[in-house]
Amino acid sequence: MDPKFVIEPEDVDPHAHSNMVKTRNQLCSIIAIKISHKSYEETLSRQRRLGSNSYKRASC
């Protein structure tokens, strides 16, 4: 193997992997919050539409 590509133990940041995993987990939780918030808004708007339609039908 080429000596240029040998990685010495002190070259490797021991916290790099855990930081990467932490960042990925934070991104996943942010995305999950956005998705759940979006679906919550869609449910609300759907309920409003259904509610207004049933209200109109009931008042006729």
Foldseek 3Di string as FASTA:
>chain_A
DDPVPDDDPVNDDPCVVVVVVVVVVVVVVVVVVVVVVVVVVVVVVVCVVVVVVVVVVVVD
